[in-house]
């Protein structure tokens, strides 16, 4: 499986897990919150909001358009810290760690 298909499968799994643990919202945050320039929109969004409204759509767009994917990134340390008190964090981390690992490989 190529990196595009593998990434899309993991994004789909991430959405399922976020929904299963009630971290999926029907209403988007305020446009100003989505326009944050801080890493992970940490100043305006909760971690699960960033995953849902920024990470999954932007990464999904790269995949859909077959644009170059990031060469290296790690989101799991942020997810682990930001969601440490929330339900489903281990299931969410299982997926983000797979994404991190996929993008550590060349």
Protein backbone atom coordinates (compact mmCIF):
# COMPACT_ATOMS: atom_id res chain seq x y z
CA UNK A 1 0.00 0.00 0.00
CA UNK A 2 1.45 3.36 -0.96
CA UNK A 3 1.81 6.20 1.49
CA UNK A 4 -1.24 8.03 0.12
CA UNK A 5 -3.57 5.07 0.62
CA UNK A 6 -2.07 4.18 3.98
CA UNK A 7 -2.45 7.78 5.18
CA UNK A 8 -6.07 7.96 4.04
CA UNK A 9 -6.87 4.71 5.82
CA UNK A 10 -5.37 6.09 9.03
CA UNK A 11 -7.28 9.39 8.68
CA UNK A 12 -10.50 7.41 8.25
CA UNK A 13 -9.69 5.36 11.34
CA UNK A 14 -8.92 8.52 13.28
CA UNK A 15 -12.32 9.97 12.39
CA UNK A 16 -14.06 6.76 13.50
CA UNK A 17 -12.25 6.76 16.85
CA UNK A 18 -12.94 10.44 17.46
CA UNK A 19 -16.63 9.77 16.78
CA UNK A 20 -16.70 6.66 18.99
CA UNK A 21 -15.35 8.64 21.94
CA UNK A 22 -17.63 11.67 21.41
CA UNK A 23 -14.83 13.97 20.26
CA UNK A 24 -16.48 14.75 16.91
CA UNK A 25 -18.46 17.97 16.59
CA UNK A 26 -21.31 18.73 14.20
CA UNK A 27 -20.77 22.48 14.29
CA UNK A 28 -17.43 23.97 13.25
CA UNK A 29 -15.60 26.38 15.53
CA UNK A 30 -15.69 30.09 14.80
CA UNK A 31 -13.74 30.98 11.63
CA UNK A 32 -11.37 33.11 13.71
CA UNK A 33 -10.50 30.06 15.82
CA UNK A 34 -9.75 28.07 12.67
CA UNK A 35 -7.52 30.87 11.37
CA UNK A 36 -5.05 30.57 14.24
CA UNK A 37 -1.41 30.68 13.21
CA UNK A 38 -0.18 28.95 16.36
CA UNK A 39 1.02 25.34 16.10
CA UNK A 40 -1.96 23.00 16.52
CA UNK A 41 -4.12 26.15 16.86
CA UNK A 42 -3.31 25.70 20.53
CA UNK A 43 -4.54 29.19 21.37
CA UNK A 44 -8.04 28.68 19.96
CA UNK A 45 -8.88 24.98 19.58
CA UNK A 46 -8.91 21.87 21.72
CA UNK A 47 -6.81 19.02 20.38
CA UNK A 48 -9.78 17.02 19.09
CA UNK A 49 -11.06 20.15 17.31
CA UNK A 50 -7.68 20.66 15.66
CA UNK A 51 -7.67 17.03 14.52
CA UNK A 52 -11.20 17.25 13.14
CA UNK A 53 -11.28 20.71 11.60
CA UNK A 54 -7.66 21.29 10.54
CA UNK A 55 -5.48 18.18 10.48
CA UNK A 56 -7.85 15.65 8.87
CA UNK A 57 -9.22 18.02 6.17
CA UNK A 58 -5.85 19.52 5.20
CA UNK A 59 -4.08 16.17 5.15
CA UNK A 60 -7.01 14.64 3.29
CA UNK A 61 -6.76 17.36 0.66
CA UNK A 62 -3.06 16.62 0.12
CA UNK A 63 -3.97 12.97 -0.37
CA UNK A 64 -6.94 13.61 -2.67
CA UNK A 65 -4.93 15.94 -4.90
CA UNK A 66 -1.85 13.69 -4.73
CA UNK A 67 0.21 16.65 -3.57
CA UNK A 68 3.54 16.07 -1.84
CA UNK A 69 3.06 14.74 1.67
CA UNK A 70 5.12 16.00 4.60
CA UNK A 71 8.45 14.26 4.93
CA UNK A 72 8.52 14.17 8.71
CA UNK A 73 6.16 15.10 11.48
CA UNK A 74 5.03 13.98 14.90
CA UNK A 75 1.66 14.84 16.35
CA UNK A 76 1.42 12.15 19.03
CA UNK A 77 3.39 14.00 21.72
CA UNK A 78 0.93 16.90 21.42
CA UNK A 79 -2.11 14.60 21.36
CA UNK A 80 -0.84 12.66 24.37
CA UNK A 81 -0.34 15.79 26.46
CA UNK A 82 -3.39 17.72 25.29
CA UNK A 83 -5.82 14.81 25.66
CA UNK A 84 -4.31 13.02 28.66
CA UNK A 85 -7.46 13.44 30.78
CA UNK A 86 -9.96 12.67 28.01
CA UNK A 87 -11.74 9.48 27.08
CA UNK A 88 -10.39 7.44 24.22
CA UNK A 89 -6.94 8.95 24.26
CA UNK A 90 -5.20 5.58 23.93
CA UNK A 91 -7.25 4.66 20.85
CA UNK A 92 -6.56 8.06 19.32
CA UNK A 93 -2.85 7.78 20.11
CA UNK A 94 -2.68 4.33 18.53
CA UNK A 95 -3.61 5.93 15.22
CA UNK A 96 -1.55 9.12 15.52
CA UNK A 97 1.50 7.03 16.42
CA UNK A 98 1.00 5.01 13.24
CA UNK A 99 0.88 8.26 11.26
CA UNK A 100 4.02 9.49 12.99
CA UNK A 101 5.81 6.24 12.21
CA UNK A 102 4.68 6.28 8.58
CA UNK A 103 6.22 9.71 8.13
CA UNK A 104 9.47 8.88 9.88
CA UNK A 105 10.11 6.38 7.11
CA UNK A 106 11.30 7.58 3.72
